[in-house]
Amino acid sequence: MRRATWRRIVPVLLITLAAGAQAQRPGDPGRWDYQNSCASCHGARGRGDGPLLRHLVTPPSDLSMLAQRNGGVFPRERLVMLIDGRAAADIGPHGSREMPVWGSTYVERFTQAGGSPPLAEGAAHRRILDLVDHLERLQR
């Protein structure tokens, strides 16, 4: 009886959480992730001036100048790969990069909440795409 109850509650809970999260971020879903996961290092406007700057070995990039530094073209695909981080060659057995591997983090959070691995991959990819969309809006 208990297992059957949990099997009904978990999907309802996931749907409720997802709906609540979408209600909190109507026009720019990537903004919420940026403010909660990236701004501490990269700054609220993406200029590399976050409050943790003085504690980092490598200064964070100015994310508001990505297109300008790339000949006026926003490097969307490169950012998706960088943020996901799971395919990066610069990550050794001890995690040599300072930026978290968000692809793994997002997948892990989704599966810990009861989501299946295939759905977790899709949800992680969507979050990363939303974050990249937000970064594109930060360009100056």
N, C-alpha and C. Protein backbone atom coordinates (compact mmCIF):
# COMPACT_ATOMS: atom_id res chain seq x y z
N MET A 1 0.81 -1.19 0.00
CA MET A 1 0.00 0.00 0.00
C MET A 1 0.86 1.26 0.00
N ARG A 2 1.91 1.27 0.81
CA ARG A 2 2.76 2.45 0.89
C ARG A 2 3.47 2.74 -0.43
N ARG A 3 3.97 1.70 -1.11
CA ARG A 3 4.65 1.91 -2.38
C ARG A 3 3.71 2.49 -3.42
N ALA A 4 2.52 2.00 -3.47
CA ALA A 4 1.55 2.51 -4.44
C ALA A 4 1.26 3.98 -4.18
N THR A 5 1.18 4.35 -2.91
CA THR A 5 0.93 5.75 -2.57
C THR A 5 2.09 6.63 -3.03
N TRP A 6 3.33 6.21 -2.76
CA TRP A 6 4.50 6.99 -3.16
C TRP A 6 4.60 7.09 -4.68
N ARG A 7 4.21 6.03 -5.37
CA ARG A 7 4.27 6.06 -6.84
C ARG A 7 3.27 7.05 -7.41
N ARG A 8 2.26 7.37 -6.68
CA ARG A 8 1.29 8.39 -7.13
C ARG A 8 1.73 9.78 -6.69
N ILE A 9 2.32 9.87 -5.52
CA ILE A 9 2.67 11.17 -4.97
C ILE A 9 3.87 11.79 -5.70
N VAL A 10 4.89 11.01 -5.99
CA VAL A 10 6.11 11.55 -6.59
C VAL A 10 5.83 12.24 -7.93
N PRO A 11 5.11 11.63 -8.88
CA PRO A 11 4.85 12.34 -10.14
C PRO A 11 4.03 13.63 -9.92
N VAL A 12 3.06 13.58 -9.03
CA VAL A 12 2.25 14.77 -8.75
C VAL A 12 3.13 15.86 -8.15
N LEU A 13 4.02 15.47 -7.24
CA LEU A 13 4.94 16.42 -6.63
C LEU A 13 5.86 17.05 -7.66
N LEU A 14 6.40 16.24 -8.57
CA LEU A 14 7.28 16.76 -9.61
C LEU A 14 6.55 17.75 -10.52
N ILE A 15 5.34 17.41 -10.90
CA ILE A 15 4.55 18.30 -11.75
C ILE A 15 4.25 19.61 -11.02
N THR A 16 3.91 19.51 -9.74
CA THR A 16 3.62 20.70 -8.94
C THR A 16 4.85 21.58 -8.81
N LEU A 17 6.01 20.97 -8.55
CA LEU A 17 7.24 21.75 -8.44
C LEU A 17 7.59 22.42 -9.76
N ALA A 18 7.44 21.69 -10.85
CA ALA A 18 7.74 22.26 -12.16
C ALA A 18 6.81 23.42 -12.49
N ALA A 19 5.53 23.25 -12.18
CA ALA A 19 4.57 24.33 -12.43
C ALA A 19 4.88 25.54 -11.57
N GLY A 20 5.25 25.32 -10.32
CA GLY A 20 5.61 26.42 -9.44
C GLY A 20 6.84 27.14 -9.91
N ALA A 21 7.82 26.39 -10.39
CA ALA A 21 9.05 27.00 -10.90
C ALA A 21 8.76 27.83 -12.14
N GLN A 22 7.91 27.33 -13.02
CA GLN A 22 7.56 28.09 -14.21
C GLN A 22 6.77 29.34 -13.86
N ALA A 23 5.92 29.27 -12.83
CA ALA A 23 5.16 30.43 -12.41
C ALA A 23 6.08 31.52 -11.87
N GLN A 24 7.19 31.14 -11.27
CA GLN A 24 8.13 32.12 -10.72
C GLN A 24 9.00 32.76 -11.81
N ARG A 25 9.12 32.13 -12.97
CA ARG A 25 10.00 32.65 -14.00
C ARG A 25 9.28 32.74 -15.34
N PRO A 26 8.29 33.63 -15.47
CA PRO A 26 7.47 33.62 -16.67
C PRO A 26 8.17 34.01 -17.96
N GLY A 27 8.92 35.11 -18.01
CA GLY A 27 9.47 35.57 -19.28
C GLY A 27 10.89 35.13 -19.55
N ASP A 28 11.61 34.73 -18.55
CA ASP A 28 13.02 34.41 -18.72
C ASP A 28 13.40 33.28 -17.76
N PRO A 29 13.06 32.03 -18.10
CA PRO A 29 13.34 30.92 -17.17
C PRO A 29 14.81 30.76 -16.84
N GLY A 30 15.71 31.13 -17.73
CA GLY A 30 17.13 31.02 -17.45
C GLY A 30 17.63 32.04 -16.44
N ARG A 31 16.88 33.12 -16.27
CA ARG A 31 17.29 34.17 -15.32
C ARG A 31 17.34 33.62 -13.90
N TRP A 32 16.36 32.81 -13.53
CA TRP A 32 16.32 32.25 -12.18
C TRP A 32 17.56 31.40 -11.93
N ASP A 33 17.88 30.50 -12.86
CA ASP A 33 19.07 29.67 -12.71
C ASP A 33 20.33 30.53 -12.66
N TYR A 34 20.39 31.55 -13.52
CA TYR A 34 21.55 32.42 -13.53
C TYR A 34 21.72 33.10 -12.17
N GLN A 35 20.66 33.71 -11.67
CA GLN A 35 20.75 34.43 -10.40
C GLN A 35 21.10 33.51 -9.24
N ASN A 36 20.64 32.27 -9.29
CA ASN A 36 20.87 31.34 -8.19
C ASN A 36 22.11 30.47 -8.34
N SER A 37 22.67 30.38 -9.52
CA SER A 37 23.81 29.49 -9.73
C SER A 37 25.05 30.16 -10.32
N CYS A 38 24.88 31.28 -10.99
CA CYS A 38 26.00 31.88 -11.72
C CYS A 38 26.41 33.26 -11.21
N ALA A 39 25.44 34.03 -10.75
CA ALA A 39 25.70 35.43 -10.38
C ALA A 39 26.69 35.57 -9.24
N SER A 40 26.80 34.57 -8.38
CA SER A 40 27.74 34.69 -7.26
C SER A 40 29.19 34.81 -7.76
N CYS A 41 29.48 34.26 -8.91
CA CYS A 41 30.83 34.39 -9.50
C CYS A 41 30.85 35.43 -10.62
N HIS A 42 29.89 35.35 -11.54
CA HIS A 42 29.89 36.19 -12.73
C HIS A 42 29.23 37.56 -12.53
N GLY A 43 28.55 37.77 -11.41
CA GLY A 43 27.90 39.04 -11.15
C GLY A 43 26.48 39.08 -11.69
N ALA A 44 25.66 39.95 -11.12
CA ALA A 44 24.25 40.03 -11.49
C ALA A 44 24.04 40.36 -12.96
N ARG A 45 24.93 41.16 -13.54
CA ARG A 45 24.81 41.53 -14.96
C ARG A 45 25.78 40.78 -15.84
N GLY A 46 26.44 39.75 -15.28
CA GLY A 46 27.32 38.89 -16.06
C GLY A 46 28.67 39.49 -16.38
N ARG A 47 29.11 40.49 -15.64
CA ARG A 47 30.35 41.19 -15.97
C ARG A 47 31.59 40.65 -15.26
N GLY A 48 31.48 39.48 -14.61
CA GLY A 48 32.63 38.86 -13.96
C GLY A 48 32.97 39.48 -12.62
N ASP A 49 32.00 40.15 -12.02
CA ASP A 49 32.25 40.88 -10.77
C ASP A 49 31.39 40.41 -9.61
N GLY A 50 31.15 39.11 -9.54
CA GLY A 50 30.32 38.56 -8.48
C GLY A 50 30.99 38.63 -7.12
N PRO A 51 30.22 38.47 -6.06
CA PRO A 51 30.76 38.57 -4.71
C PRO A 51 31.81 37.52 -4.35
N LEU A 52 31.88 36.41 -5.07
CA LEU A 52 32.89 35.39 -4.79
C LEU A 52 34.19 35.60 -5.58
N LEU A 53 34.26 36.65 -6.37
CA LEU A 53 35.41 36.92 -7.23
C LEU A 53 36.73 36.81 -6.49
N ARG A 54 36.84 37.41 -5.32
CA ARG A 54 38.12 37.43 -4.60
C ARG A 54 38.52 36.05 -4.06
N HIS A 55 37.60 35.09 -4.07
CA HIS A 55 37.91 33.75 -3.56
C HIS A 55 38.26 32.76 -4.67
N LEU A 56 38.21 33.20 -5.91
CA LEU A 56 38.44 32.29 -7.04
C LEU A 56 39.87 32.38 -7.53
N VAL A 57 40.43 31.26 -7.93
CA VAL A 57 41.78 31.22 -8.48
C VAL A 57 41.77 31.86 -9.87
N THR A 58 40.81 31.50 -10.68
CA THR A 58 40.67 32.04 -12.02
C THR A 58 39.50 33.01 -12.04
N PRO A 59 39.72 34.27 -12.44
CA PRO A 59 38.60 35.22 -12.48
C PRO A 59 37.52 34.75 -13.45
N PRO A 60 36.26 34.91 -13.10
CA PRO A 60 35.19 34.50 -14.00
C PRO A 60 35.11 35.41 -15.23
N SER A 61 34.64 34.85 -16.32
CA SER A 61 34.51 35.60 -17.57
C SER A 61 33.46 36.68 -17.46
N ASP A 62 33.65 37.74 -18.25
CA ASP A 62 32.62 38.75 -18.43
C ASP A 62 31.66 38.18 -19.47
N LEU A 63 30.54 37.68 -19.01
CA LEU A 63 29.58 37.01 -19.89
C LEU A 63 28.78 37.97 -20.75
N SER A 64 28.85 39.25 -20.44
CA SER A 64 28.10 40.25 -21.22
C SER A 64 28.84 40.63 -22.51
N MET A 65 30.07 40.15 -22.68
CA MET A 65 30.88 40.49 -23.85
C MET A 65 31.16 39.27 -24.74
N LEU A 66 30.43 38.19 -24.54
CA LEU A 66 30.71 36.96 -25.29
C LEU A 66 30.57 37.16 -26.79
N ALA A 67 29.49 37.80 -27.23
CA ALA A 67 29.29 38.01 -28.66
C ALA A 67 30.36 38.94 -29.23
N GLN A 68 30.65 40.01 -28.51
CA GLN A 68 31.66 40.95 -28.98
C GLN A 68 33.03 40.28 -29.13
N ARG A 69 33.39 39.44 -28.17
CA ARG A 69 34.68 38.74 -28.24
C ARG A 69 34.69 37.64 -29.31
N ASN A 70 33.51 37.31 -29.83
CA ASN A 70 33.41 36.25 -30.85
C ASN A 70 33.01 36.85 -32.20
N GLY A 71 33.52 38.04 -32.50
CA GLY A 71 33.26 38.67 -33.79
C GLY A 71 31.82 39.07 -34.01
N GLY A 72 31.09 39.37 -32.94
CA GLY A 72 29.70 39.79 -33.04
C GLY A 72 28.70 38.65 -33.09
N VAL A 73 29.17 37.43 -33.01
CA VAL A 73 28.29 36.25 -33.06
C VAL A 73 28.23 35.61 -31.67
N PHE A 74 27.03 35.43 -31.16
CA PHE A 74 26.87 34.80 -29.85
C PHE A 74 27.18 33.31 -29.98
N PRO A 75 28.13 32.80 -29.20
CA PRO A 75 28.59 31.40 -29.33
C PRO A 75 27.69 30.38 -28.60
N ARG A 76 26.48 30.25 -29.06
CA ARG A 76 25.45 29.44 -28.41
C ARG A 76 25.88 27.98 -28.18
N GLU A 77 26.31 27.29 -29.21
CA GLU A 77 26.65 25.87 -29.08
C GLU A 77 27.83 25.67 -28.13
N ARG A 78 28.81 26.53 -28.24
CA ARG A 78 29.98 26.44 -27.36
C ARG A 78 29.57 26.63 -25.90
N LEU A 79 28.66 27.55 -25.65
CA LEU A 79 28.20 27.79 -24.28
C LEU A 79 27.42 26.61 -23.73
N VAL A 80 26.59 26.00 -24.56
CA VAL A 80 25.84 24.82 -24.13
C VAL A 80 26.82 23.75 -23.66
N MET A 81 27.86 23.51 -24.43
CA MET A 81 28.86 22.49 -24.07
C MET A 81 29.64 22.88 -22.81
N LEU A 82 30.01 24.16 -22.71
CA LEU A 82 30.76 24.63 -21.55
C LEU A 82 29.95 24.53 -20.26
N ILE A 83 28.70 24.97 -20.33
CA ILE A 83 27.85 24.94 -19.13
C ILE A 83 27.54 23.50 -18.74
N ASP A 84 27.20 22.67 -19.72
CA ASP A 84 26.96 21.26 -19.42
C ASP A 84 28.20 20.66 -18.78
N GLY A 85 29.35 20.84 -19.40
CA GLY A 85 30.63 20.47 -18.81
C GLY A 85 31.00 19.01 -18.82
N ARG A 86 30.10 18.13 -19.16
CA ARG A 86 30.41 16.70 -19.09
C ARG A 86 31.32 16.23 -20.20
N ALA A 87 31.40 16.95 -21.30
CA ALA A 87 32.25 16.54 -22.42
C ALA A 87 33.55 17.32 -22.45
N ALA A 88 33.78 18.18 -21.46
CA ALA A 88 34.97 19.03 -21.46
C ALA A 88 36.23 18.21 -21.21
N ALA A 89 37.26 18.50 -21.98
CA ALA A 89 38.52 17.80 -21.84
C ALA A 89 39.34 18.31 -20.67
N ASP A 90 39.00 19.50 -20.15
CA ASP A 90 39.81 20.09 -19.07
C ASP A 90 39.42 19.59 -17.68
N ILE A 91 38.55 18.61 -17.61
CA ILE A 91 38.14 18.09 -16.31
C ILE A 91 38.87 16.78 -16.07
N GLY A 92 39.77 16.81 -15.12
CA GLY A 92 40.52 15.62 -14.77
C GLY A 92 39.80 14.86 -13.67
N PRO A 93 40.45 13.88 -13.08
CA PRO A 93 39.82 13.08 -12.04
C PRO A 93 39.51 13.88 -10.78
N HIS A 94 40.14 15.04 -10.63
CA HIS A 94 39.89 15.86 -9.46
C HIS A 94 39.12 17.12 -9.80
N GLY A 95 38.58 17.21 -11.01
CA GLY A 95 37.78 18.36 -11.40
C GLY A 95 38.61 19.63 -11.49
N SER A 96 39.45 19.77 -12.48
CA SER A 96 40.39 20.87 -12.56
C SER A 96 39.76 22.21 -12.90
N ARG A 97 38.54 22.27 -13.33
CA ARG A 97 37.94 23.56 -13.62
C ARG A 97 37.15 24.04 -12.42
N GLU A 98 37.07 25.34 -12.25
CA GLU A 98 36.37 25.88 -11.09
C GLU A 98 34.87 25.90 -11.28
N MET A 99 34.41 26.10 -12.51
CA MET A 99 32.97 26.16 -12.75
C MET A 99 32.36 24.77 -12.59
N PRO A 100 31.25 24.69 -11.88
CA PRO A 100 30.60 23.38 -11.71
C PRO A 100 30.19 22.76 -13.05
N VAL A 101 30.09 21.46 -13.06
CA VAL A 101 29.62 20.72 -14.24
C VAL A 101 28.10 20.67 -14.12
N TRP A 102 27.44 21.67 -14.69
CA TRP A 102 26.00 21.83 -14.48
C TRP A 102 25.18 20.71 -15.09
N GLY A 103 25.63 20.11 -16.17
CA GLY A 103 24.89 18.98 -16.76
C GLY A 103 24.71 17.87 -15.75
N SER A 104 25.78 17.48 -15.08
CA SER A 104 25.71 16.44 -14.06
C SER A 104 24.85 16.87 -12.88
N THR A 105 25.02 18.12 -12.47
CA THR A 105 24.26 18.64 -11.32
C THR A 105 22.77 18.62 -11.61
N TYR A 106 22.37 19.11 -12.78
CA TYR A 106 20.94 19.15 -13.12
C TYR A 106 20.34 17.75 -13.25
N VAL A 107 21.08 16.83 -13.87
CA VAL A 107 20.60 15.45 -14.00
C VAL A 107 20.44 14.82 -12.62
N GLU A 108 21.44 15.00 -11.78
CA GLU A 108 21.40 14.43 -10.43
C GLU A 108 20.23 14.97 -9.62
N ARG A 109 20.01 16.28 -9.68
CA ARG A 109 18.89 16.88 -8.93
C ARG A 109 17.55 16.32 -9.39
N PHE A 110 17.39 16.17 -10.71
CA PHE A 110 16.14 15.68 -11.25
C PHE A 110 15.89 14.23 -10.86
N THR A 111 16.92 13.40 -10.94
CA THR A 111 16.74 11.99 -10.60
C THR A 111 16.55 11.82 -9.09
N GLN A 112 17.19 12.64 -8.28
CA GLN A 112 16.98 12.57 -6.83
C GLN A 112 15.56 12.95 -6.46
N ALA A 113 14.93 13.77 -7.28
CA ALA A 113 13.54 14.15 -7.04
C ALA A 113 12.56 13.09 -7.56
N GLY A 114 13.10 11.99 -8.13
CA GLY A 114 12.24 10.90 -8.56
C GLY A 114 12.07 10.79 -10.06
N GLY A 115 12.74 11.65 -10.82
CA GLY A 115 12.63 11.59 -12.28
C GLY A 115 13.49 10.49 -12.86
N SER A 116 13.09 9.99 -14.02
CA SER A 116 13.84 8.93 -14.68
C SER A 116 15.07 9.53 -15.37
N PRO A 117 16.13 8.73 -15.55
CA PRO A 117 17.33 9.25 -16.22
C PRO A 117 17.08 9.84 -17.61
N PRO A 118 16.27 9.20 -18.48
CA PRO A 118 16.04 9.83 -19.79
C PRO A 118 15.34 11.19 -19.67
N LEU A 119 14.37 11.28 -18.77
CA LEU A 119 13.71 12.58 -18.56
C LEU A 119 14.67 13.58 -17.94
N ALA A 120 15.55 13.11 -17.08
CA ALA A 120 16.52 13.99 -16.43
C ALA A 120 17.45 14.62 -17.46
N GLU A 121 17.89 13.84 -18.44
CA GLU A 121 18.75 14.38 -19.50
C GLU A 121 18.04 15.49 -20.26
N GLY A 122 16.79 15.26 -20.60
CA GLY A 122 16.02 16.28 -21.32
C GLY A 122 15.81 17.53 -20.48
N ALA A 123 15.51 17.35 -19.21
CA ALA A 123 15.28 18.49 -18.31
C ALA A 123 16.58 19.28 -18.13
N ALA A 124 17.71 18.59 -18.00
CA ALA A 124 19.00 19.27 -17.85
C ALA A 124 19.32 20.07 -19.10
N HIS A 125 19.10 19.48 -20.26
CA HIS A 125 19.38 20.17 -21.52
C HIS A 125 18.50 21.42 -21.65
N ARG A 126 17.23 21.30 -21.27
CA ARG A 126 16.32 22.45 -21.35
C ARG A 126 16.78 23.58 -20.44
N ARG A 127 17.20 23.24 -19.22
CA ARG A 127 17.68 24.27 -18.29
C ARG A 127 18.91 24.97 -18.84
N ILE A 128 19.80 24.21 -19.44
CA ILE A 128 21.02 24.80 -20.01
C ILE A 128 20.66 25.71 -21.18
N LEU A 129 19.74 25.28 -22.04
CA LEU A 129 19.31 26.13 -23.15
C LEU A 129 18.66 27.42 -22.65
N ASP A 130 17.85 27.31 -21.59
CA ASP A 130 17.23 28.51 -21.01
C ASP A 130 18.29 29.44 -20.44
N LEU A 131 19.30 28.89 -19.82
CA LEU A 131 20.39 29.69 -19.27
C LEU A 131 21.16 30.39 -20.39
N VAL A 132 21.43 29.70 -21.48
CA VAL A 132 22.12 30.29 -22.62
C VAL A 132 21.27 31.40 -23.23
N ASP A 133 19.96 31.20 -23.31
CA ASP A 133 19.06 32.26 -23.80
C ASP A 133 19.19 33.50 -22.93
N HIS A 134 19.24 33.30 -21.62
CA HIS A 134 19.39 34.44 -20.70
C HIS A 134 20.74 35.14 -20.93
N LEU A 135 21.80 34.36 -21.10
CA LEU A 135 23.11 34.95 -21.35
C LEU A 135 23.12 35.77 -22.64
N GLU A 136 22.38 35.32 -23.63
CA GLU A 136 22.30 36.08 -24.87
C GLU A 136 21.64 37.43 -24.65
N ARG A 137 20.66 37.47 -23.75
CA ARG A 137 19.99 38.75 -23.44
C ARG A 137 20.88 39.68 -22.61
N LEU A 138 21.93 39.16 -21.99
CA LEU A 138 22.86 39.99 -21.21
C LEU A 138 23.90 40.71 -22.07
N GLN A 139 23.98 40.36 -23.34
CA GLN A 139 25.03 40.91 -24.20
C GLN A 139 24.89 42.42 -24.34
N ARG A 140 26.07 43.09 -24.36
CA ARG A 140 26.07 44.54 -24.60
C ARG A 140 26.89 44.87 -25.82
